[in-house]
Amino acid sequence: MPKNKNPAGRERIGFIGLGAMGLPLAHTLLKAGFAVTGNDTDSARMAAHRDHGGAVCPNAAEAVRSSDIVITCLPKWTP
């Protein structure tokens, strides 16, 4: 099996931003059988992702390094 595949044969997905939109999207990917590693600045959101079967990383850089595909779902930045 190629290195970049999880045991189910699918790409590993990193999800950065587990807020109001990101968390449901990440859970949909989990239900579809993807391995999803999440990161968020809010530890409660990361715990909710873990409770649904997702993995979590302490920072976004680690989530990127451990993934084949990275999805970001972040709020609009205002300077």
N, C-alpha and C. Protein backbone atom coordinates (compact mmCIF):
# COMPACT_ATOMS: atom_id res chain seq x y z
N MET A 1 0.85 -1.18 0.00
CA MET A 1 0.00 0.00 0.00
C MET A 1 0.90 1.24 0.00
N PRO A 2 0.57 2.26 -0.82
CA PRO A 2 1.37 3.48 -0.82
C PRO A 2 1.41 4.13 0.56
N LYS A 3 2.51 4.82 0.82
CA LYS A 3 2.70 5.46 2.12
C LYS A 3 1.62 6.48 2.46
N ASN A 4 1.08 7.14 1.45
CA ASN A 4 0.16 8.23 1.73
C ASN A 4 -1.29 7.78 1.92
N LYS A 5 -1.52 6.51 2.03
CA LYS A 5 -2.88 6.01 2.20
C LYS A 5 -3.07 5.52 3.63
N ASN A 6 -4.28 5.71 4.15
CA ASN A 6 -4.58 5.14 5.46
C ASN A 6 -5.00 3.69 5.24
N PRO A 7 -5.24 2.92 6.29
CA PRO A 7 -5.57 1.51 6.11
C PRO A 7 -6.79 1.27 5.21
N ALA A 8 -7.70 2.23 5.11
CA ALA A 8 -8.87 2.07 4.24
C ALA A 8 -8.52 2.38 2.78
N GLY A 9 -7.28 2.79 2.52
CA GLY A 9 -6.85 3.08 1.17
C GLY A 9 -7.17 4.48 0.70
N ARG A 10 -7.50 5.36 1.61
CA ARG A 10 -7.84 6.74 1.25
C ARG A 10 -6.78 7.70 1.74
N GLU A 11 -6.73 8.87 1.11
CA GLU A 11 -5.78 9.89 1.52
C GLU A 11 -6.06 10.36 2.94
N ARG A 12 -4.99 10.77 3.61
CA ARG A 12 -5.11 11.34 4.96
C ARG A 12 -5.43 12.82 4.82
N ILE A 13 -6.45 13.28 5.53
CA ILE A 13 -6.89 14.66 5.41
C ILE A 13 -6.57 15.43 6.69
N GLY A 14 -5.96 16.59 6.53
CA GLY A 14 -5.74 17.52 7.63
C GLY A 14 -6.80 18.60 7.55
N PHE A 15 -7.44 18.90 8.66
CA PHE A 15 -8.50 19.90 8.67
C PHE A 15 -8.14 20.96 9.70
N ILE A 16 -7.90 22.17 9.23
CA ILE A 16 -7.52 23.26 10.11
C ILE A 16 -8.70 24.23 10.20
N GLY A 17 -9.23 24.36 11.40
CA GLY A 17 -10.40 25.19 11.63
C GLY A 17 -11.63 24.32 11.84
N LEU A 18 -11.93 24.03 13.09
CA LEU A 18 -13.04 23.14 13.45
C LEU A 18 -14.18 23.91 14.09
N GLY A 19 -14.52 25.03 13.49
CA GLY A 19 -15.59 25.87 14.04
C GLY A 19 -16.96 25.45 13.55
N ALA A 20 -17.86 26.44 13.46
CA ALA A 20 -19.26 26.19 13.11
C ALA A 20 -19.42 25.50 11.77
N MET A 21 -18.55 25.77 10.83
CA MET A 21 -18.63 25.12 9.53
C MET A 21 -17.63 23.96 9.41
N GLY A 22 -16.43 24.15 9.96
CA GLY A 22 -15.38 23.16 9.81
C GLY A 22 -15.65 21.84 10.51
N LEU A 23 -16.20 21.89 11.71
CA LEU A 23 -16.43 20.66 12.47
C LEU A 23 -17.43 19.74 11.76
N PRO A 24 -18.58 20.24 11.30
CA PRO A 24 -19.50 19.36 10.57
C PRO A 24 -18.89 18.81 9.28
N LEU A 25 -18.09 19.62 8.58
CA LEU A 25 -17.46 19.14 7.36
C LEU A 25 -16.46 18.02 7.68
N ALA A 26 -15.66 18.21 8.72
CA ALA A 26 -14.70 17.18 9.12
C ALA A 26 -15.42 15.90 9.52
N HIS A 27 -16.55 16.01 10.21
CA HIS A 27 -17.30 14.82 10.63
C HIS A 27 -17.91 14.10 9.44
N THR A 28 -18.31 14.83 8.42
CA THR A 28 -18.82 14.20 7.21
C THR A 28 -17.72 13.37 6.54
N LEU A 29 -16.49 13.89 6.52
CA LEU A 29 -15.37 13.15 5.95
C LEU A 29 -15.06 11.90 6.78
N LEU A 30 -15.16 12.02 8.11
CA LEU A 30 -14.96 10.85 8.96
C LEU A 30 -15.99 9.77 8.66
N LYS A 31 -17.25 10.18 8.53
CA LYS A 31 -18.32 9.22 8.23
C LYS A 31 -18.11 8.53 6.89
N ALA A 32 -17.47 9.23 5.96
CA ALA A 32 -17.19 8.67 4.64
C ALA A 32 -15.98 7.74 4.65
N GLY A 33 -15.32 7.61 5.80
CA GLY A 33 -14.21 6.68 5.93
C GLY A 33 -12.83 7.27 5.80
N PHE A 34 -12.73 8.58 5.73
CA PHE A 34 -11.41 9.21 5.64
C PHE A 34 -10.79 9.35 7.02
N ALA A 35 -9.47 9.30 7.07
CA ALA A 35 -8.73 9.60 8.29
C ALA A 35 -8.56 11.12 8.33
N VAL A 36 -9.14 11.77 9.33
CA VAL A 36 -9.12 13.23 9.40
C VAL A 36 -8.41 13.66 10.69
N THR A 37 -7.34 14.42 10.52
CA THR A 37 -6.62 14.99 11.65
C THR A 37 -6.96 16.47 11.71
N GLY A 38 -7.47 16.92 12.84
CA GLY A 38 -7.92 18.29 12.96
C GLY A 38 -7.07 19.13 13.89
N ASN A 39 -7.17 20.44 13.68
CA ASN A 39 -6.52 21.40 14.56
C ASN A 39 -7.40 22.64 14.64
N ASP A 40 -7.46 23.23 15.83
CA ASP A 40 -8.20 24.46 16.06
C ASP A 40 -7.57 25.16 17.25
N THR A 41 -7.78 26.46 17.35
CA THR A 41 -7.26 27.19 18.50
C THR A 41 -8.10 26.94 19.75
N ASP A 42 -9.28 26.38 19.59
CA ASP A 42 -10.19 26.10 20.71
C ASP A 42 -10.10 24.61 21.08
N SER A 43 -9.62 24.32 22.27
CA SER A 43 -9.44 22.92 22.68
C SER A 43 -10.76 22.16 22.76
N ALA A 44 -11.86 22.84 23.04
CA ALA A 44 -13.16 22.17 23.10
C ALA A 44 -13.57 21.68 21.71
N ARG A 45 -13.25 22.42 20.69
CA ARG A 45 -13.56 21.99 19.33
C ARG A 45 -12.70 20.79 18.93
N MET A 46 -11.45 20.80 19.35
CA MET A 46 -10.60 19.64 19.06
C MET A 46 -11.11 18.41 19.81
N ALA A 47 -11.58 18.60 21.05
CA ALA A 47 -12.13 17.48 21.81
C ALA A 47 -13.39 16.94 21.13
N ALA A 48 -14.22 17.81 20.59
CA ALA A 48 -15.43 17.36 19.89
C ALA A 48 -15.06 16.56 18.65
N HIS A 49 -14.01 16.97 17.96
CA HIS A 49 -13.54 16.23 16.78
C HIS A 49 -13.02 14.85 17.20
N ARG A 50 -12.26 14.82 18.26
CA ARG A 50 -11.73 13.55 18.77
C ARG A 50 -12.87 12.63 19.21
N ASP A 51 -13.90 13.19 19.84
CA ASP A 51 -15.05 12.40 20.29
C ASP A 51 -15.80 11.74 19.13
N HIS A 52 -15.68 12.33 17.94
CA HIS A 52 -16.32 11.75 16.76
C HIS A 52 -15.39 10.83 15.98
N GLY A 53 -14.22 10.54 16.54
CA GLY A 53 -13.31 9.58 15.91
C GLY A 53 -12.15 10.19 15.15
N GLY A 54 -12.03 11.50 15.15
CA GLY A 54 -10.93 12.14 14.46
C GLY A 54 -9.68 12.22 15.33
N ALA A 55 -8.57 12.39 14.67
CA ALA A 55 -7.30 12.61 15.38
C ALA A 55 -7.10 14.12 15.50
N VAL A 56 -6.31 14.54 16.48
CA VAL A 56 -6.01 15.96 16.63
C VAL A 56 -4.51 16.18 16.70
N CYS A 57 -4.08 17.36 16.28
CA CYS A 57 -2.68 17.78 16.35
C CYS A 57 -2.60 19.05 17.17
N PRO A 58 -1.51 19.22 17.90
CA PRO A 58 -1.38 20.41 18.75
C PRO A 58 -1.18 21.70 17.97
N ASN A 59 -0.80 21.60 16.68
CA ASN A 59 -0.61 22.81 15.89
C ASN A 59 -0.89 22.51 14.41
N ALA A 60 -1.13 23.56 13.66
CA ALA A 60 -1.47 23.41 12.25
C ALA A 60 -0.33 22.81 11.44
N ALA A 61 0.90 23.16 11.77
CA ALA A 61 2.05 22.65 11.02
C ALA A 61 2.11 21.13 11.08
N GLU A 62 1.87 20.56 12.24
CA GLU A 62 1.89 19.10 12.37
C GLU A 62 0.75 18.46 11.59
N ALA A 63 -0.41 19.10 11.59
CA ALA A 63 -1.55 18.59 10.82
C ALA A 63 -1.21 18.56 9.33
N VAL A 64 -0.52 19.59 8.86
CA VAL A 64 -0.12 19.64 7.45
C VAL A 64 0.90 18.56 7.14
N ARG A 65 1.91 18.40 7.99
CA ARG A 65 2.95 17.40 7.76
C ARG A 65 2.40 15.98 7.71
N SER A 66 1.37 15.70 8.47
CA SER A 66 0.86 14.33 8.57
C SER A 66 -0.28 14.04 7.58
N SER A 67 -0.51 14.95 6.63
CA SER A 67 -1.66 14.80 5.74
C SER A 67 -1.26 14.84 4.28
N ASP A 68 -2.10 14.21 3.45
CA ASP A 68 -1.94 14.26 2.01
C ASP A 68 -2.72 15.43 1.42
N ILE A 69 -3.85 15.74 2.04
CA ILE A 69 -4.73 16.83 1.61
C ILE A 69 -5.00 17.70 2.83
N VAL A 70 -4.95 19.01 2.67
CA VAL A 70 -5.23 19.92 3.78
C VAL A 70 -6.40 20.83 3.41
N ILE A 71 -7.36 20.91 4.30
CA ILE A 71 -8.52 21.78 4.13
C ILE A 71 -8.48 22.81 5.25
N THR A 72 -8.67 24.06 4.89
CA THR A 72 -8.76 25.10 5.91
C THR A 72 -10.17 25.69 5.89
N CYS A 73 -10.68 25.96 7.05
CA CYS A 73 -12.01 26.55 7.19
C CYS A 73 -11.88 27.59 8.31
N LEU A 74 -11.45 28.79 7.91
CA LEU A 74 -11.05 29.80 8.88
C LEU A 74 -11.93 31.05 8.76
N PRO A 75 -12.06 31.79 9.85
CA PRO A 75 -12.85 33.03 9.80
C PRO A 75 -12.12 34.10 9.00
N LYS A 76 -12.87 35.07 8.55
CA LYS A 76 -12.29 36.19 7.83
C LYS A 76 -11.37 36.96 8.77
N TRP A 77 -10.18 37.26 8.27
CA TRP A 77 -9.22 38.01 9.07
C TRP A 77 -9.46 39.49 8.87
N THR A 78 -9.52 40.22 9.95
CA THR A 78 -9.68 41.66 9.89
C THR A 78 -8.49 42.30 10.59
N PRO A 79 -7.72 43.15 9.87
CA PRO A 79 -6.55 43.77 10.51
C PRO A 79 -6.93 44.77 11.56
